[in-house]
Amino acid sequence: MEYPNEIRIRIRSRNIPIDDTARRFGGGGQSFASSASIGSWENADEMIEALNRKT
């Protein structure tokens, strides 16, 4: 979700814990449902790459 001052990312997973990745990007949450606030779409690409490496 894009807001004037931030971009919020919601992450969901069925089998792979993702809360550690969310924390790495300044967020948090539960093992299979987390979120983070990122500063730019480039950071979103970095988060996607980090999540893809977990598979």
N, C-alpha and C. Protein backbone atom coordinates (compact mmCIF):
# COMPACT_ATOMS: atom_id res chain seq x y z
N MET A 1 0.84 -1.15 0.00
CA MET A 1 0.00 0.00 0.00
C MET A 1 0.89 1.23 0.00
N GLU A 2 0.62 2.14 -0.88
CA GLU A 2 1.44 3.34 -0.99
C GLU A 2 0.71 4.53 -0.36
N TYR A 3 1.41 5.19 0.56
CA TYR A 3 0.91 6.38 1.21
C TYR A 3 1.83 7.54 0.85
N PRO A 4 1.45 8.78 1.15
CA PRO A 4 2.31 9.91 0.78
C PRO A 4 3.72 9.83 1.36
N ASN A 5 3.86 9.28 2.59
CA ASN A 5 5.17 9.28 3.25
C ASN A 5 5.79 7.91 3.43
N GLU A 6 5.12 6.86 2.99
CA GLU A 6 5.66 5.52 3.19
C GLU A 6 5.00 4.51 2.25
N ILE A 7 5.64 3.38 2.13
CA ILE A 7 5.09 2.24 1.41
C ILE A 7 5.01 1.10 2.41
N ARG A 8 3.81 0.57 2.63
CA ARG A 8 3.60 -0.53 3.56
C ARG A 8 3.48 -1.83 2.77
N ILE A 9 4.23 -2.82 3.20
CA ILE A 9 4.23 -4.13 2.55
C ILE A 9 3.60 -5.14 3.51
N ARG A 10 2.63 -5.90 3.03
CA ARG A 10 2.05 -6.99 3.80
C ARG A 10 2.55 -8.30 3.23
N ILE A 11 3.01 -9.19 4.10
CA ILE A 11 3.60 -10.45 3.65
C ILE A 11 2.82 -11.60 4.28
N ARG A 12 2.46 -12.56 3.48
CA ARG A 12 1.75 -13.74 3.96
C ARG A 12 2.45 -14.98 3.43
N SER A 13 2.45 -16.05 4.23
CA SER A 13 3.06 -17.30 3.84
C SER A 13 2.26 -18.44 4.45
N ARG A 14 2.23 -19.56 3.78
CA ARG A 14 1.55 -20.73 4.34
C ARG A 14 2.51 -21.68 5.05
N ASN A 15 3.74 -21.79 4.57
CA ASN A 15 4.64 -22.81 5.10
C ASN A 15 5.99 -22.29 5.57
N ILE A 16 6.40 -21.13 5.11
CA ILE A 16 7.74 -20.62 5.41
C ILE A 16 7.63 -19.40 6.32
N PRO A 17 8.24 -19.43 7.51
CA PRO A 17 8.20 -18.27 8.40
C PRO A 17 8.87 -17.06 7.73
N ILE A 18 8.20 -15.92 7.77
CA ILE A 18 8.71 -14.73 7.08
C ILE A 18 8.89 -13.54 8.04
N ASP A 19 8.61 -13.72 9.32
CA ASP A 19 8.70 -12.60 10.25
C ASP A 19 10.13 -12.08 10.39
N ASP A 20 11.12 -12.94 10.26
CA ASP A 20 12.51 -12.50 10.35
C ASP A 20 12.87 -11.56 9.20
N THR A 21 12.36 -11.83 8.02
CA THR A 21 12.61 -10.96 6.87
C THR A 21 11.91 -9.62 7.07
N ALA A 22 10.69 -9.64 7.58
CA ALA A 22 9.97 -8.39 7.85
C ALA A 22 10.74 -7.54 8.85
N ARG A 23 11.28 -8.16 9.90
CA ARG A 23 12.06 -7.43 10.90
C ARG A 23 13.31 -6.82 10.28
N ARG A 24 13.92 -7.54 9.35
CA ARG A 24 15.11 -7.01 8.67
C ARG A 24 14.81 -5.71 7.94
N PHE A 25 13.56 -5.53 7.55
CA PHE A 25 13.16 -4.33 6.82
C PHE A 25 12.36 -3.38 7.70
N GLY A 26 12.55 -3.46 9.01
CA GLY A 26 11.93 -2.52 9.93
C GLY A 26 10.49 -2.84 10.29
N GLY A 27 10.05 -4.04 10.04
CA GLY A 27 8.68 -4.43 10.36
C GLY A 27 8.65 -5.53 11.39
N GLY A 28 7.60 -6.33 11.32
CA GLY A 28 7.46 -7.44 12.25
C GLY A 28 6.11 -8.09 12.08
N GLY A 29 5.77 -8.93 13.02
CA GLY A 29 4.49 -9.60 12.96
C GLY A 29 4.61 -11.04 13.40
N GLN A 30 3.74 -11.86 12.90
CA GLN A 30 3.72 -13.27 13.24
C GLN A 30 4.53 -14.06 12.21
N SER A 31 4.75 -15.32 12.50
CA SER A 31 5.58 -16.15 11.62
C SER A 31 5.10 -16.19 10.17
N PHE A 32 3.79 -16.24 9.98
CA PHE A 32 3.27 -16.40 8.63
C PHE A 32 2.46 -15.20 8.14
N ALA A 33 2.42 -14.13 8.90
CA ALA A 33 1.72 -12.90 8.51
C ALA A 33 2.44 -11.72 9.14
N SER A 34 3.13 -10.95 8.32
CA SER A 34 3.93 -9.84 8.81
C SER A 34 3.77 -8.65 7.89
N SER A 35 4.35 -7.52 8.29
CA SER A 35 4.34 -6.34 7.44
C SER A 35 5.59 -5.51 7.73
N ALA A 36 5.86 -4.59 6.84
CA ALA A 36 7.00 -3.70 7.01
C ALA A 36 6.70 -2.39 6.29
N SER A 37 7.36 -1.34 6.71
CA SER A 37 7.26 -0.04 6.06
C SER A 37 8.60 0.22 5.38
N ILE A 38 8.57 0.38 4.07
CA ILE A 38 9.82 0.58 3.33
C ILE A 38 9.82 1.98 2.73
N GLY A 39 10.98 2.48 2.41
CA GLY A 39 11.11 3.84 1.93
C GLY A 39 10.98 4.03 0.43
N SER A 40 11.20 2.97 -0.33
CA SER A 40 11.18 3.11 -1.79
C SER A 40 10.84 1.78 -2.44
N TRP A 41 10.46 1.84 -3.70
CA TRP A 41 10.15 0.61 -4.44
C TRP A 41 11.40 -0.23 -4.65
N GLU A 42 12.59 0.38 -4.65
CA GLU A 42 13.82 -0.40 -4.75
C GLU A 42 13.97 -1.31 -3.54
N ASN A 43 13.57 -0.81 -2.37
CA ASN A 43 13.60 -1.65 -1.17
C ASN A 43 12.60 -2.79 -1.27
N ALA A 44 11.49 -2.57 -1.97
CA ALA A 44 10.52 -3.65 -2.18
C ALA A 44 11.16 -4.75 -3.00
N ASP A 45 11.91 -4.38 -4.03
CA ASP A 45 12.60 -5.39 -4.84
C ASP A 45 13.59 -6.18 -4.00
N GLU A 46 14.30 -5.49 -3.10
CA GLU A 46 15.25 -6.16 -2.22
C GLU A 46 14.54 -7.14 -1.27
N MET A 47 13.37 -6.72 -0.77
CA MET A 47 12.60 -7.60 0.11
C MET A 47 12.10 -8.83 -0.65
N ILE A 48 11.63 -8.63 -1.85
CA ILE A 48 11.15 -9.76 -2.67
C ILE A 48 12.27 -10.75 -2.91
N GLU A 49 13.47 -10.26 -3.21
CA GLU A 49 14.62 -11.14 -3.41
C GLU A 49 14.93 -11.92 -2.13
N ALA A 50 14.88 -11.26 -0.99
CA ALA A 50 15.16 -11.92 0.30
C ALA A 50 14.11 -13.00 0.56
N LEU A 51 12.86 -12.72 0.26
CA LEU A 51 11.81 -13.71 0.48
C LEU A 51 11.96 -14.89 -0.50
N ASN A 52 12.34 -14.61 -1.71
CA ASN A 52 12.53 -15.69 -2.70
C ASN A 52 13.67 -16.63 -2.30
N ARG A 53 14.69 -16.10 -1.63
CA ARG A 53 15.81 -16.92 -1.18
C ARG A 53 15.39 -17.89 -0.07
N LYS A 54 14.29 -17.63 0.61
CA LYS A 54 13.83 -18.49 1.69
C LYS A 54 13.18 -19.77 1.18
N THR A 55 12.83 -19.84 -0.08
CA THR A 55 12.14 -21.03 -0.61
C THR A 55 13.10 -22.15 -0.89
